[in-house]
Amino acid sequence: MKSLFFNEDHQIFRQSVADFINKEVMPYADQWEKDEKIPRELFVKLGNQGFLGINHDEKYGGTKADMFYTVAYLEELAKCGYAGVCAAVSVHQYMATNHLSEAGSDELKERFLRPAIEGTKVGAIAITEPFGGSDVQAMRTTAVLEGDHYVINGSKTFITNGHFADFVVVACKTDNNAGINGVSLIVIERGTKGFTSSQLKKIGWHSSDTGELAFDNVIVPKENLVGKAGMGFFYIMESFQIERLVAAVMGVGGGYACLEQTLKYMNEREAFGKAIKKYQVLRHEMVQLYTELEAGKQMTYNAAWLMENGEVPVKECSMAKLYMTELGNKIVDKCLQMFGGYGYMEEYPIARAYRDARVSTIVGGTTQIMREILSKIIIDDVKYKKVYSDDTVQIDAKPWGNPQTAAEIIESIPLRLKKDKAAGYSTVFHFDISGDTGGQYTVKVENNEASVSKGLEGKADCTVTADAQVYADVELGKASPEMAFMSGQIKVDNLGAMMQFVRYFKKVM
């Protein structure tokens, strides 16, 4: 069948991946599930076939093939039905090495990217922490520059390949006072003194190693910094798009594998004298799932096409990840029901698929995070630009700079006015902020301009009362605004006016 996205070369490549999976994965994967890891030899075999370099530059051993080679590769990989294998390989290839490929120095690429493409070194990416979850800004792992090296302390958890990898790209705070502008990425090698890990037990993805990492005065050379210091948060945000697209693509492959396996069982299984595929309620359930999967596939392919053509498809990748992971859980739940009691037996692959699918709506950003990202894009008109390839992006590129104290934040208000949205809006606010870094201020908005003056002038539509440190922490994303309001640490005398006010101003960070 002709395709808008795949040509004959893509299809030949797809078949070569399918052949490799049948030969090198399917006969051994049950044992890998028991071992709770895949062997290093698999990475070497993938590297020998050129599969680990299809998304990387030729200079370092890759082929830099177009995005639909990646789509074909990941779909076929996912059809194996062992999501742990898929997780270990895709994290190595599309997450751990992506930052090195996009922002790493030539030295880092030679030391880590080239052997990763060859499969002789396995990589991991370490962002999530025990206390932060999906909140990248809240990370506590620190990296202090001392002369020609960094000293790293902290911990990470839920890290795929974390107990197995030869190197880990670690997100650290290199400046604790700079908010999101203080996050950097640093490569730490296995065996470095003070770097330890332990393997975690999971309900699914048994053939992938998931680790908890600890860093106790780990010393690494400053040359292990990936890209620019302070740009780590922005690198991570951009890299999330390929991670989410990968999840969606593997959801397509895994979804079709699950449906085809179920259809085969429906052909063989009889109830009350006829194959269960003859019962209308089951027939209609299956075609509904096929229809929804086809819709998700086209959504995913569109996101891949946009990425291939140089766009920053945050909306489309987030939608694809949201839709396909939720659908994946739905498909496997409905399919297991088709198997009846046999679906609950470990000997049937559908039982493994059921366990494996559940985590898909959590990793790479939860369903709730995807919805909030999409809310910001669709409702708040937030826009994103490229970071890796745009040399004009600066850490302090915001016109209001990098305010840290309550006074600085309030004084930045005029520069943060969304003039495209504030036409016709007028108000007067009083800010009564106690503490050394606070003060009393009057903010006026009129004729599409905002102004700040010291002192409480005239009658206000709303008065905000708070401690300077609490107010700054909330504005900088270091504290929960809901908790601050509910506990009375921040008080407003007109909540409706406050809710309207914040819609017309960009966030500080």
Foldseek 3Di string as FASTA:
>chain_A
DDDPFDDPVLVVLLVVLLVCCVPPPLVCVVVLLVVLADDLVVLQVCLVVQNLQQCADVVLPHDNHALSSVLSNLLSVLLSLQVLVSVQSCQQRQPFCVLCRLFADPVCCNVPVSCSSNSNFGEWEFQAAPPQAPNSQQDDWAWEDDPFKTFIFDKGFQIWCLQPGQKYFYWHQHDPQQGLLRIWTFIDGPPFPQKDKDFDDALASSSITTIMIGGDRGIDGPSRTGHDGSCHSVVVLLSLLSVLLSLLSSLLSNLVSLLVVLVVQQCVDDDPHGRNCPDPVLVVVSVVLVVLSVVLVVLSSVSSVCVSVPHSPLLSSLVSLLSSLVSQLVSLVSSLVSVPPVSCDPVDSSVNSNRHSPCSCRPSAHSVRSVVVNCCCPPLVDDDDDDSPDPPDDSQPQPLGRDQWLQSVVQSFQSFFQLVPCVPDWFKEWEDEDDPRHAIWIWIADRSTIHIDGDDDDDGPKYKYAYTVVVRCCLSVNDPPVVCDVVVRIDMPDVVVVVVVVSRGDGSD
